[in-house]
Amino acid sequence: MSKPILIGITGGTGSGKSTIADALYSNFSKDCIAMIQQDMYYKDQSHLSMEERVKTNYDHPMAFDNDLLVEHLKALINGKSIEKPSYDFTVHNRSKETAIVESRDIILVEGILILEDPRIRELLDIKVYVDTDADINERGRTVESVVDQYLNIVRPMHLQFTEPSKKYADIIIPEGGHNYVAIDILMAKIRDILK
């Protein structure tokens, strides 16, 4: 296998980046494509009480174990498999479960801050920014808590860290996951790479 092509897909919370990554991933054989989600790389917080874990700002670069993510991406680039961590938002901590990810010709890397870290940026061959207003998923919470988190955490972190990373993108996709023309163009590019 030749060196894999890493395609980074980023954008604000709720921008449609996951929709686009999922659309690309589901349209190709799993023998040729793999996916890494940055939000599986939140730091282990076992040393913290539940009360302290709940206060984690998941939209800040310090919430991520980017050292491990970079190590895993380099392993995949070198044709090795990894044990991708998983994160359990119900307990605000990394799960004991991991998933084996084999190196593939195409590796999708999806997350809100993948272009913010220069080490990750340098590993990406194609950098995609999904340009839609920051939003938030409810994850089973009250509307008040969602609005409060959006105004006090998500929006400020988006403006401070995610939005400025747009300048590093090779492709900027407006209209989020509903931009089917952009998704088709990315699929055509992946097909071209796989040839």
N, C-alpha and C. Protein backbone atom coordinates (compact mmCIF):
# COMPACT_ATOMS: atom_id res chain seq x y z
N MET A 1 0.85 -1.19 0.00
CA MET A 1 0.00 0.00 0.00
C MET A 1 0.88 1.24 0.00
N SER A 2 0.56 2.22 -0.85
CA SER A 2 1.29 3.46 -0.83
C SER A 2 0.81 4.31 0.34
N LYS A 3 1.46 5.44 0.57
CA LYS A 3 1.09 6.31 1.70
C LYS A 3 -0.38 6.69 1.61
N PRO A 4 -1.11 6.54 2.71
CA PRO A 4 -2.52 6.93 2.70
C PRO A 4 -2.68 8.43 2.48
N ILE A 5 -3.83 8.81 1.94
CA ILE A 5 -4.19 10.22 1.81
C ILE A 5 -5.09 10.56 2.99
N LEU A 6 -4.69 11.56 3.76
CA LEU A 6 -5.49 11.99 4.91
C LEU A 6 -6.32 13.21 4.52
N ILE A 7 -7.62 13.11 4.70
CA ILE A 7 -8.54 14.20 4.40
C ILE A 7 -9.13 14.69 5.71
N GLY A 8 -8.83 15.92 6.07
CA GLY A 8 -9.35 16.50 7.30
C GLY A 8 -10.62 17.28 7.02
N ILE A 9 -11.64 17.06 7.84
CA ILE A 9 -12.91 17.76 7.68
C ILE A 9 -13.24 18.44 9.01
N THR A 10 -13.31 19.76 8.99
CA THR A 10 -13.56 20.51 10.21
C THR A 10 -14.63 21.57 9.99
N GLY A 11 -15.00 22.21 11.07
CA GLY A 11 -16.03 23.24 11.07
C GLY A 11 -16.60 23.31 12.47
N GLY A 12 -17.45 24.27 12.71
CA GLY A 12 -18.01 24.44 14.04
C GLY A 12 -18.94 23.31 14.43
N THR A 13 -19.28 23.28 15.73
CA THR A 13 -20.23 22.30 16.25
C THR A 13 -21.55 22.45 15.50
N GLY A 14 -22.07 21.35 14.97
CA GLY A 14 -23.33 21.38 14.24
C GLY A 14 -23.25 21.93 12.83
N SER A 15 -22.03 22.11 12.31
CA SER A 15 -21.86 22.71 10.98
C SER A 15 -22.21 21.77 9.84
N GLY A 16 -22.19 20.47 10.12
CA GLY A 16 -22.42 19.49 9.06
C GLY A 16 -21.18 18.71 8.70
N LYS A 17 -20.08 18.94 9.43
CA LYS A 17 -18.83 18.22 9.13
C LYS A 17 -18.98 16.72 9.29
N SER A 18 -19.69 16.28 10.32
CA SER A 18 -19.90 14.84 10.53
C SER A 18 -20.79 14.26 9.43
N THR A 19 -21.79 15.03 9.00
CA THR A 19 -22.67 14.59 7.92
C THR A 19 -21.87 14.36 6.64
N ILE A 20 -20.97 15.29 6.34
CA ILE A 20 -20.14 15.18 5.14
C ILE A 20 -19.17 14.01 5.28
N ALA A 21 -18.51 13.89 6.44
CA ALA A 21 -17.58 12.78 6.65
C ALA A 21 -18.30 11.44 6.55
N ASP A 22 -19.48 11.34 7.16
CA ASP A 22 -20.26 10.09 7.10
C ASP A 22 -20.68 9.76 5.67
N ALA A 23 -21.07 10.80 4.90
CA ALA A 23 -21.48 10.58 3.51
C ALA A 23 -20.30 10.04 2.69
N LEU A 24 -19.12 10.60 2.90
CA LEU A 24 -17.95 10.12 2.18
C LEU A 24 -17.61 8.70 2.60
N TYR A 25 -17.58 8.47 3.91
CA TYR A 25 -17.21 7.17 4.45
C TYR A 25 -18.16 6.06 3.97
N SER A 26 -19.44 6.36 3.94
CA SER A 26 -20.43 5.33 3.59
C SER A 26 -20.49 5.03 2.09
N ASN A 27 -19.85 5.86 1.26
CA ASN A 27 -19.90 5.65 -0.18
C ASN A 27 -18.71 4.86 -0.73
N PHE A 28 -17.83 4.41 0.16
CA PHE A 28 -16.66 3.67 -0.32
C PHE A 28 -16.51 2.38 0.49
N SER A 29 -15.87 1.40 -0.12
CA SER A 29 -15.63 0.12 0.54
C SER A 29 -14.76 0.35 1.77
N LYS A 30 -15.07 -0.35 2.85
CA LYS A 30 -14.29 -0.22 4.09
C LYS A 30 -12.88 -0.77 3.90
N ASP A 31 -12.62 -1.44 2.76
CA ASP A 31 -11.26 -1.91 2.47
C ASP A 31 -10.35 -0.76 2.03
N CYS A 32 -10.94 0.38 1.67
CA CYS A 32 -10.11 1.47 1.17
C CYS A 32 -10.24 2.77 1.95
N ILE A 33 -11.14 2.82 2.94
CA ILE A 33 -11.34 4.08 3.66
C ILE A 33 -11.52 3.81 5.16
N ALA A 34 -10.96 4.71 5.97
CA ALA A 34 -11.10 4.62 7.43
C ALA A 34 -11.50 6.01 7.94
N MET A 35 -12.07 6.04 9.14
CA MET A 35 -12.47 7.33 9.71
C MET A 35 -11.99 7.45 11.14
N ILE A 36 -11.45 8.63 11.44
CA ILE A 36 -11.01 8.97 12.79
C ILE A 36 -11.78 10.23 13.21
N GLN A 37 -12.51 10.15 14.31
CA GLN A 37 -13.25 11.30 14.83
C GLN A 37 -12.47 11.89 16.00
N GLN A 38 -12.18 13.19 15.92
CA GLN A 38 -11.41 13.84 16.98
C GLN A 38 -12.12 13.76 18.32
N ASP A 39 -13.45 13.74 18.34
CA ASP A 39 -14.13 13.74 19.64
C ASP A 39 -14.04 12.39 20.37
N MET A 40 -13.42 11.39 19.75
CA MET A 40 -13.09 10.17 20.48
C MET A 40 -11.77 10.35 21.25
N TYR A 41 -11.07 11.44 20.97
CA TYR A 41 -9.76 11.70 21.57
C TYR A 41 -9.82 12.76 22.68
N TYR A 42 -10.99 12.93 23.29
CA TYR A 42 -11.01 13.77 24.48
C TYR A 42 -10.14 13.11 25.54
N LYS A 43 -9.51 13.90 26.37
CA LYS A 43 -8.60 13.38 27.38
C LYS A 43 -9.31 12.49 28.38
N ASP A 44 -8.58 11.50 28.86
CA ASP A 44 -9.08 10.65 29.93
C ASP A 44 -9.20 11.52 31.19
N GLN A 45 -10.35 11.42 31.87
CA GLN A 45 -10.58 12.24 33.05
C GLN A 45 -10.88 11.38 34.28
N SER A 46 -10.34 10.16 34.28
CA SER A 46 -10.59 9.24 35.39
C SER A 46 -10.13 9.80 36.73
N HIS A 47 -9.13 10.65 36.70
CA HIS A 47 -8.59 11.22 37.93
C HIS A 47 -9.48 12.32 38.51
N LEU A 48 -10.51 12.73 37.77
CA LEU A 48 -11.40 13.81 38.22
C LEU A 48 -12.71 13.24 38.74
N SER A 49 -13.31 13.95 39.67
CA SER A 49 -14.65 13.57 40.14
C SER A 49 -15.66 13.90 39.04
N MET A 50 -16.85 13.28 39.13
CA MET A 50 -17.90 13.56 38.15
C MET A 50 -18.23 15.05 38.14
N GLU A 51 -18.25 15.66 39.31
CA GLU A 51 -18.54 17.10 39.42
C GLU A 51 -17.52 17.93 38.64
N GLU A 52 -16.25 17.52 38.70
CA GLU A 52 -15.21 18.25 37.97
C GLU A 52 -15.28 17.96 36.46
N ARG A 53 -15.59 16.70 36.10
CA ARG A 53 -15.67 16.32 34.68
C ARG A 53 -16.77 17.08 33.95
N VAL A 54 -17.89 17.30 34.63
CA VAL A 54 -19.03 17.99 34.02
C VAL A 54 -18.63 19.40 33.56
N LYS A 55 -17.63 19.97 34.20
CA LYS A 55 -17.21 21.35 33.89
C LYS A 55 -16.26 21.42 32.68
N THR A 56 -15.91 20.28 32.09
CA THR A 56 -14.98 20.26 30.96
C THR A 56 -15.52 21.10 29.80
N ASN A 57 -14.67 21.93 29.25
CA ASN A 57 -15.01 22.71 28.06
C ASN A 57 -14.56 21.90 26.84
N TYR A 58 -15.51 21.17 26.24
CA TYR A 58 -15.19 20.28 25.12
C TYR A 58 -14.87 21.01 23.82
N ASP A 59 -15.01 22.32 23.83
CA ASP A 59 -14.72 23.10 22.62
C ASP A 59 -13.36 23.80 22.69
N HIS A 60 -12.59 23.49 23.73
CA HIS A 60 -11.26 24.10 23.90
C HIS A 60 -10.19 23.09 23.49
N PRO A 61 -9.11 23.55 22.85
CA PRO A 61 -8.05 22.63 22.43
C PRO A 61 -7.48 21.78 23.56
N MET A 62 -7.47 22.30 24.78
CA MET A 62 -6.90 21.56 25.91
C MET A 62 -7.75 20.34 26.31
N ALA A 63 -8.97 20.23 25.79
CA ALA A 63 -9.82 19.08 26.12
C ALA A 63 -9.38 17.82 25.37
N PHE A 64 -8.59 17.99 24.31
CA PHE A 64 -8.22 16.87 23.45
C PHE A 64 -6.85 16.30 23.77
N ASP A 65 -6.72 14.99 23.59
CA ASP A 65 -5.44 14.31 23.70
C ASP A 65 -4.84 14.27 22.29
N ASN A 66 -4.40 15.44 21.82
CA ASN A 66 -3.86 15.52 20.46
C ASN A 66 -2.53 14.79 20.32
N ASP A 67 -1.82 14.59 21.44
CA ASP A 67 -0.57 13.82 21.36
C ASP A 67 -0.89 12.40 20.87
N LEU A 68 -1.92 11.80 21.46
CA LEU A 68 -2.32 10.46 21.06
C LEU A 68 -2.88 10.46 19.64
N LEU A 69 -3.67 11.48 19.29
CA LEU A 69 -4.22 11.55 17.93
C LEU A 69 -3.11 11.64 16.90
N VAL A 70 -2.12 12.48 17.14
CA VAL A 70 -0.99 12.62 16.21
C VAL A 70 -0.23 11.30 16.10
N GLU A 71 0.00 10.66 17.25
CA GLU A 71 0.68 9.35 17.26
C GLU A 71 -0.09 8.33 16.42
N HIS A 72 -1.41 8.31 16.57
CA HIS A 72 -2.24 7.37 15.82
C HIS A 72 -2.25 7.69 14.32
N LEU A 73 -2.34 8.96 13.97
CA LEU A 73 -2.33 9.33 12.55
C LEU A 73 -1.00 8.94 11.90
N LYS A 74 0.10 9.15 12.62
CA LYS A 74 1.41 8.77 12.08
C LYS A 74 1.50 7.25 11.90
N ALA A 75 0.95 6.50 12.85
CA ALA A 75 0.95 5.04 12.73
C ALA A 75 0.16 4.61 11.49
N LEU A 76 -1.01 5.21 11.28
CA LEU A 76 -1.83 4.88 10.11
C LEU A 76 -1.10 5.23 8.82
N ILE A 77 -0.43 6.38 8.81
CA ILE A 77 0.35 6.80 7.64
C ILE A 77 1.43 5.76 7.33
N ASN A 78 1.98 5.15 8.38
CA ASN A 78 3.03 4.14 8.22
C ASN A 78 2.49 2.73 8.03
N GLY A 79 1.17 2.62 7.76
CA GLY A 79 0.58 1.33 7.45
C GLY A 79 0.23 0.46 8.64
N LYS A 80 0.30 1.01 9.83
CA LYS A 80 0.00 0.24 11.04
C LYS A 80 -1.44 0.46 11.47
N SER A 81 -1.97 -0.51 12.23
CA SER A 81 -3.31 -0.34 12.78
C SER A 81 -3.20 0.35 14.14
N ILE A 82 -4.32 0.91 14.60
CA ILE A 82 -4.36 1.60 15.89
C ILE A 82 -5.55 1.09 16.70
N GLU A 83 -5.52 1.37 17.99
CA GLU A 83 -6.67 1.15 18.86
C GLU A 83 -7.28 2.51 19.16
N LYS A 84 -8.30 2.87 18.38
CA LYS A 84 -8.93 4.17 18.54
C LYS A 84 -9.73 4.19 19.85
N PRO A 85 -9.51 5.22 20.68
CA PRO A 85 -10.30 5.31 21.90
C PRO A 85 -11.75 5.68 21.59
N SER A 86 -12.60 5.57 22.59
CA SER A 86 -13.97 6.06 22.45
C SER A 86 -14.29 6.87 23.70
N TYR A 87 -15.21 7.78 23.55
CA TYR A 87 -15.54 8.70 24.64
C TYR A 87 -17.00 8.55 24.98
N ASP A 88 -17.30 8.47 26.26
CA ASP A 88 -18.66 8.30 26.75
C ASP A 88 -19.13 9.61 27.38
N PHE A 89 -19.97 10.33 26.63
CA PHE A 89 -20.43 11.64 27.11
C PHE A 89 -21.37 11.54 28.30
N THR A 90 -21.93 10.36 28.54
CA THR A 90 -22.84 10.22 29.69
C THR A 90 -22.06 10.25 31.01
N VAL A 91 -20.79 9.85 30.98
CA VAL A 91 -19.97 9.89 32.19
C VAL A 91 -18.82 10.89 32.07
N HIS A 92 -18.81 11.64 30.95
CA HIS A 92 -17.78 12.66 30.72
C HIS A 92 -16.38 12.07 30.87
N ASN A 93 -16.17 10.93 30.24
CA ASN A 93 -14.87 10.30 30.35
C ASN A 93 -14.65 9.32 29.20
N ARG A 94 -13.40 9.01 28.98
CA ARG A 94 -13.04 8.04 27.98
C ARG A 94 -13.55 6.66 28.42
N SER A 95 -14.07 5.94 27.48
CA SER A 95 -14.59 4.59 27.73
C SER A 95 -13.42 3.60 27.74
N LYS A 96 -13.64 2.46 28.36
CA LYS A 96 -12.62 1.40 28.32
C LYS A 96 -12.60 0.72 26.94
N GLU A 97 -13.69 0.91 26.18
CA GLU A 97 -13.81 0.31 24.84
C GLU A 97 -12.87 1.03 23.86
N THR A 98 -12.26 0.25 22.99
CA THR A 98 -11.48 0.83 21.89
C THR A 98 -11.91 0.12 20.61
N ALA A 99 -11.54 0.68 19.48
CA ALA A 99 -11.87 0.07 18.18
C ALA A 99 -10.58 -0.02 17.36
N ILE A 100 -10.35 -1.19 16.80
CA ILE A 100 -9.18 -1.36 15.93
C ILE A 100 -9.49 -0.67 14.60
N VAL A 101 -8.59 0.19 14.18
CA VAL A 101 -8.71 0.86 12.88
C VAL A 101 -7.47 0.48 12.08
N GLU A 102 -7.71 -0.11 10.92
CA GLU A 102 -6.62 -0.49 10.03
C GLU A 102 -6.28 0.68 9.12
N SER A 103 -5.02 0.76 8.73
CA SER A 103 -4.61 1.78 7.77
C SER A 103 -5.28 1.50 6.42
N ARG A 104 -5.74 2.52 5.76
CA ARG A 104 -6.42 2.40 4.47
C ARG A 104 -5.86 3.44 3.50
N ASP A 105 -6.23 3.34 2.23
CA ASP A 105 -5.76 4.31 1.23
C ASP A 105 -6.23 5.73 1.54
N ILE A 106 -7.46 5.83 2.05
CA ILE A 106 -8.04 7.13 2.42
C ILE A 106 -8.35 7.09 3.91
N ILE A 107 -7.91 8.12 4.62
CA ILE A 107 -8.24 8.23 6.04
C ILE A 107 -8.90 9.58 6.26
N LEU A 108 -10.18 9.53 6.67
CA LEU A 108 -10.91 10.75 6.98
C LEU A 108 -10.65 11.10 8.45
N VAL A 109 -10.33 12.36 8.69
CA VAL A 109 -10.10 12.84 10.06
C VAL A 109 -11.09 13.98 10.27
N GLU A 110 -12.02 13.78 11.21
CA GLU A 110 -13.12 14.74 11.38
C GLU A 110 -13.13 15.28 12.80
N GLY A 111 -13.27 16.62 12.93
CA GLY A 111 -13.35 17.22 14.25
C GLY A 111 -13.32 18.72 14.22
N ILE A 112 -13.77 19.34 15.31
CA ILE A 112 -13.90 20.80 15.33
C ILE A 112 -12.56 21.53 15.36
N LEU A 113 -11.50 20.87 15.83
CA LEU A 113 -10.24 21.59 16.01
C LEU A 113 -9.05 20.92 15.31
N ILE A 114 -9.31 20.16 14.27
CA ILE A 114 -8.18 19.46 13.63
C ILE A 114 -7.25 20.40 12.86
N LEU A 115 -7.74 21.55 12.43
CA LEU A 115 -6.86 22.50 11.74
C LEU A 115 -6.20 23.47 12.72
N GLU A 116 -6.64 23.45 13.97
CA GLU A 116 -6.09 24.36 14.98
C GLU A 116 -4.69 23.92 15.41
N ASP A 117 -4.44 22.60 15.43
CA ASP A 117 -3.15 22.06 15.88
C ASP A 117 -2.23 21.89 14.66
N PRO A 118 -1.09 22.61 14.64
CA PRO A 118 -0.21 22.52 13.47
C PRO A 118 0.33 21.12 13.20
N ARG A 119 0.47 20.30 14.24
CA ARG A 119 0.97 18.93 14.06
C ARG A 119 -0.02 18.09 13.26
N ILE A 120 -1.32 18.28 13.53
CA ILE A 120 -2.35 17.55 12.78
C ILE A 120 -2.44 18.11 11.37
N ARG A 121 -2.45 19.44 11.27
CA ARG A 121 -2.53 20.10 9.95
C ARG A 121 -1.46 19.58 9.00
N GLU A 122 -0.24 19.43 9.50
CA GLU A 122 0.87 19.01 8.65
C GLU A 122 0.70 17.58 8.12
N LEU A 123 -0.09 16.77 8.81
CA LEU A 123 -0.29 15.39 8.39
C LEU A 123 -1.41 15.25 7.36
N LEU A 124 -2.24 16.28 7.23
CA LEU A 124 -3.40 16.22 6.34
C LEU A 124 -3.01 16.59 4.91
N ASP A 125 -3.46 15.79 3.95
CA ASP A 125 -3.18 16.08 2.54
C ASP A 125 -4.23 17.02 1.96
N ILE A 126 -5.47 16.88 2.40
CA ILE A 126 -6.57 17.73 1.93
C ILE A 126 -7.31 18.23 3.18
N LYS A 127 -7.47 19.54 3.26
CA LYS A 127 -8.10 20.15 4.44
C LYS A 127 -9.40 20.83 4.02
N VAL A 128 -10.50 20.37 4.62
CA VAL A 128 -11.84 20.85 4.27
C VAL A 128 -12.44 21.56 5.47
N TYR A 129 -12.96 22.76 5.25
CA TYR A 129 -13.64 23.51 6.30
C TYR A 129 -15.12 23.65 5.92
N VAL A 130 -15.99 23.21 6.79
CA VAL A 130 -17.44 23.31 6.55
C VAL A 130 -17.90 24.59 7.22
N ASP A 131 -18.31 25.53 6.41
CA ASP A 131 -18.58 26.90 6.87
C ASP A 131 -20.07 27.14 7.08
N THR A 132 -20.51 26.88 8.30
CA THR A 132 -21.89 27.12 8.69
C THR A 132 -21.85 27.68 10.10
N ASP A 133 -22.82 28.48 10.47
CA ASP A 133 -22.84 29.04 11.82
C ASP A 133 -22.70 27.93 12.85
N ALA A 134 -21.93 28.21 13.91
CA ALA A 134 -21.78 27.24 15.00
C ALA A 134 -23.14 26.98 15.62
N ASP A 135 -23.37 25.73 16.00
CA ASP A 135 -24.62 25.33 16.64
C ASP A 135 -24.28 24.23 17.62
N ILE A 136 -25.27 23.65 18.22
CA ILE A 136 -24.99 22.63 19.23
C ILE A 136 -26.05 21.55 19.20
N ASN A 137 -25.62 20.33 19.47
CA ASN A 137 -26.57 19.22 19.62
C ASN A 137 -27.05 19.22 21.06
N GLU A 138 -28.30 18.85 21.28
CA GLU A 138 -28.83 18.88 22.63
C GLU A 138 -28.29 17.77 23.52
N ARG A 139 -28.00 16.59 22.99
CA ARG A 139 -27.53 15.45 23.76
C ARG A 139 -28.41 15.20 24.99
N GLY A 140 -29.73 15.35 24.81
CA GLY A 140 -30.68 15.00 25.86
C GLY A 140 -30.77 15.99 27.00
N ARG A 141 -30.39 17.24 26.78
CA ARG A 141 -30.43 18.22 27.86
C ARG A 141 -31.56 19.21 27.66
N THR A 142 -31.79 20.07 28.67
CA THR A 142 -32.85 21.07 28.58
C THR A 142 -32.46 22.15 27.58
N VAL A 143 -33.46 22.82 27.04
CA VAL A 143 -33.20 23.91 26.10
C VAL A 143 -32.37 25.00 26.77
N GLU A 144 -32.67 25.30 28.03
CA GLU A 144 -31.94 26.35 28.76
C GLU A 144 -30.46 26.01 28.87
N SER A 145 -30.15 24.73 29.18
CA SER A 145 -28.75 24.35 29.33
C SER A 145 -28.02 24.41 27.98
N VAL A 146 -28.74 24.06 26.91
CA VAL A 146 -28.15 24.12 25.57
C VAL A 146 -27.86 25.57 25.18
N VAL A 147 -28.82 26.45 25.40
CA VAL A 147 -28.64 27.87 25.07
C VAL A 147 -27.49 28.45 25.89
N ASP A 148 -27.47 28.12 27.19
CA ASP A 148 -26.42 28.62 28.07
C ASP A 148 -25.05 28.15 27.59
N GLN A 149 -24.93 26.86 27.25
CA GLN A 149 -23.65 26.33 26.79
C GLN A 149 -23.26 26.97 25.46
N TYR A 150 -24.23 27.14 24.58
CA TYR A 150 -23.93 27.75 23.29
C TYR A 150 -23.37 29.17 23.47
N LEU A 151 -24.06 29.97 24.27
CA LEU A 151 -23.67 31.38 24.43
C LEU A 151 -22.37 31.54 25.22
N ASN A 152 -22.16 30.68 26.20
CA ASN A 152 -21.02 30.86 27.09
C ASN A 152 -19.79 30.03 26.74
N ILE A 153 -19.98 28.97 25.95
CA ILE A 153 -18.83 28.10 25.63
C ILE A 153 -18.68 27.89 24.13
N VAL A 154 -19.70 27.32 23.50
CA VAL A 154 -19.57 26.91 22.10
C VAL A 154 -19.23 28.09 21.19
N ARG A 155 -20.04 29.13 21.22
CA ARG A 155 -19.82 30.28 20.33
C ARG A 155 -18.47 30.96 20.59
N PRO A 156 -18.12 31.27 21.85
CA PRO A 156 -16.81 31.90 22.08
C PRO A 156 -15.63 31.03 21.63
N MET A 157 -15.72 29.72 21.87
CA MET A 157 -14.63 28.82 21.47
C MET A 157 -14.57 28.70 19.94
N HIS A 158 -15.73 28.70 19.30
CA HIS A 158 -15.77 28.67 17.84
C HIS A 158 -15.05 29.89 17.28
N LEU A 159 -15.38 31.06 17.82
CA LEU A 159 -14.77 32.29 17.32
C LEU A 159 -13.28 32.37 17.63
N GLN A 160 -12.87 31.80 18.77
CA GLN A 160 -11.47 31.88 19.17
C GLN A 160 -10.60 30.84 18.47
N PHE A 161 -11.12 29.62 18.28
CA PHE A 161 -10.26 28.53 17.80
C PHE A 161 -10.67 27.93 16.45
N THR A 162 -11.96 27.66 16.24
CA THR A 162 -12.38 26.96 15.04
C THR A 162 -12.41 27.88 13.82
N GLU A 163 -13.12 29.00 13.93
CA GLU A 163 -13.25 29.94 12.80
C GLU A 163 -11.88 30.39 12.26
N PRO A 164 -10.92 30.76 13.13
CA PRO A 164 -9.61 31.19 12.59
C PRO A 164 -8.88 30.08 11.82
N SER A 165 -9.19 28.81 12.10
CA SER A 165 -8.49 27.72 11.40
C SER A 165 -8.94 27.58 9.95
N LYS A 166 -10.02 28.28 9.59
CA LYS A 166 -10.52 28.24 8.21
C LYS A 166 -9.44 28.65 7.21
N LYS A 167 -8.55 29.54 7.62
CA LYS A 167 -7.50 30.03 6.71
C LYS A 167 -6.56 28.92 6.24
N TYR A 168 -6.53 27.79 6.94
CA TYR A 168 -5.65 26.68 6.56
C TYR A 168 -6.32 25.70 5.60
N ALA A 169 -7.60 25.89 5.35
CA ALA A 169 -8.35 24.94 4.53
C ALA A 169 -7.99 25.06 3.05
N ASP A 170 -7.99 23.91 2.37
CA ASP A 170 -7.84 23.89 0.92
C ASP A 170 -9.19 24.12 0.25
N ILE A 171 -10.24 23.64 0.91
CA ILE A 171 -11.60 23.73 0.37
C ILE A 171 -12.51 24.23 1.49
N ILE A 172 -13.36 25.21 1.18
CA ILE A 172 -14.35 25.69 2.13
C ILE A 172 -15.72 25.37 1.56
N ILE A 173 -16.51 24.64 2.35
CA ILE A 173 -17.83 24.22 1.90
C ILE A 173 -18.90 25.01 2.63
N PRO A 174 -19.65 25.86 1.91
CA PRO A 174 -20.77 26.54 2.55
C PRO A 174 -21.99 25.61 2.64
N GLU A 175 -22.93 25.94 3.48
CA GLU A 175 -24.21 25.22 3.59
C GLU A 175 -24.10 23.85 4.25
N GLY A 176 -23.00 23.58 4.92
CA GLY A 176 -22.88 22.36 5.72
C GLY A 176 -23.13 21.07 4.97
N GLY A 177 -23.77 20.12 5.67
CA GLY A 177 -23.98 18.78 5.13
C GLY A 177 -25.02 18.71 4.03
N HIS A 178 -25.65 19.86 3.70
CA HIS A 178 -26.66 19.87 2.64
C HIS A 178 -26.09 20.33 1.30
N ASN A 179 -24.77 20.53 1.26
CA ASN A 179 -24.13 20.97 0.02
C ASN A 179 -23.73 19.71 -0.77
N TYR A 180 -24.70 19.17 -1.50
CA TYR A 180 -24.49 17.90 -2.20
C TYR A 180 -23.50 18.02 -3.36
N VAL A 181 -23.39 19.20 -3.94
CA VAL A 181 -22.41 19.40 -5.02
C VAL A 181 -21.01 19.24 -4.45
N ALA A 182 -20.75 19.85 -3.30
CA ALA A 182 -19.43 19.76 -2.67
C ALA A 182 -19.12 18.31 -2.28
N ILE A 183 -20.12 17.61 -1.74
CA ILE A 183 -19.93 16.20 -1.37
C ILE A 183 -19.59 15.37 -2.62
N ASP A 184 -20.30 15.62 -3.73
CA ASP A 184 -20.02 14.91 -4.98
C ASP A 184 -18.61 15.18 -5.48
N ILE A 185 -18.16 16.43 -5.35
CA ILE A 185 -16.80 16.79 -5.79
C ILE A 185 -15.76 16.05 -4.94
N LEU A 186 -15.98 16.01 -3.62
CA LEU A 186 -15.05 15.29 -2.75
C LEU A 186 -15.05 13.79 -3.07
N MET A 187 -16.24 13.23 -3.36
CA MET A 187 -16.30 11.81 -3.72
C MET A 187 -15.54 11.55 -5.02
N ALA A 188 -15.67 12.46 -5.97
CA ALA A 188 -14.95 12.31 -7.24
C ALA A 188 -13.44 12.37 -7.00
N LYS A 189 -13.01 13.25 -6.12
CA LYS A 189 -11.58 13.36 -5.79
C LYS A 189 -11.09 12.06 -5.15
N ILE A 190 -11.87 11.50 -4.23
CA ILE A 190 -11.48 10.25 -3.58
C ILE A 190 -11.41 9.12 -4.61
N ARG A 191 -12.40 9.06 -5.52
CA ARG A 191 -12.37 8.02 -6.57
C ARG A 191 -11.10 8.16 -7.42
N ASP A 192 -10.75 9.40 -7.72
CA ASP A 192 -9.55 9.68 -8.52
C ASP A 192 -8.30 9.20 -7.78
N ILE A 193 -8.23 9.46 -6.48
CA ILE A 193 -7.09 9.03 -5.67
C ILE A 193 -6.99 7.50 -5.67
N LEU A 194 -8.14 6.84 -5.53
CA LEU A 194 -8.16 5.38 -5.43
C LEU A 194 -7.77 4.69 -6.73
N LYS A 195 -7.89 5.40 -7.86
CA LYS A 195 -7.47 4.83 -9.14
C LYS A 195 -5.97 4.69 -9.17
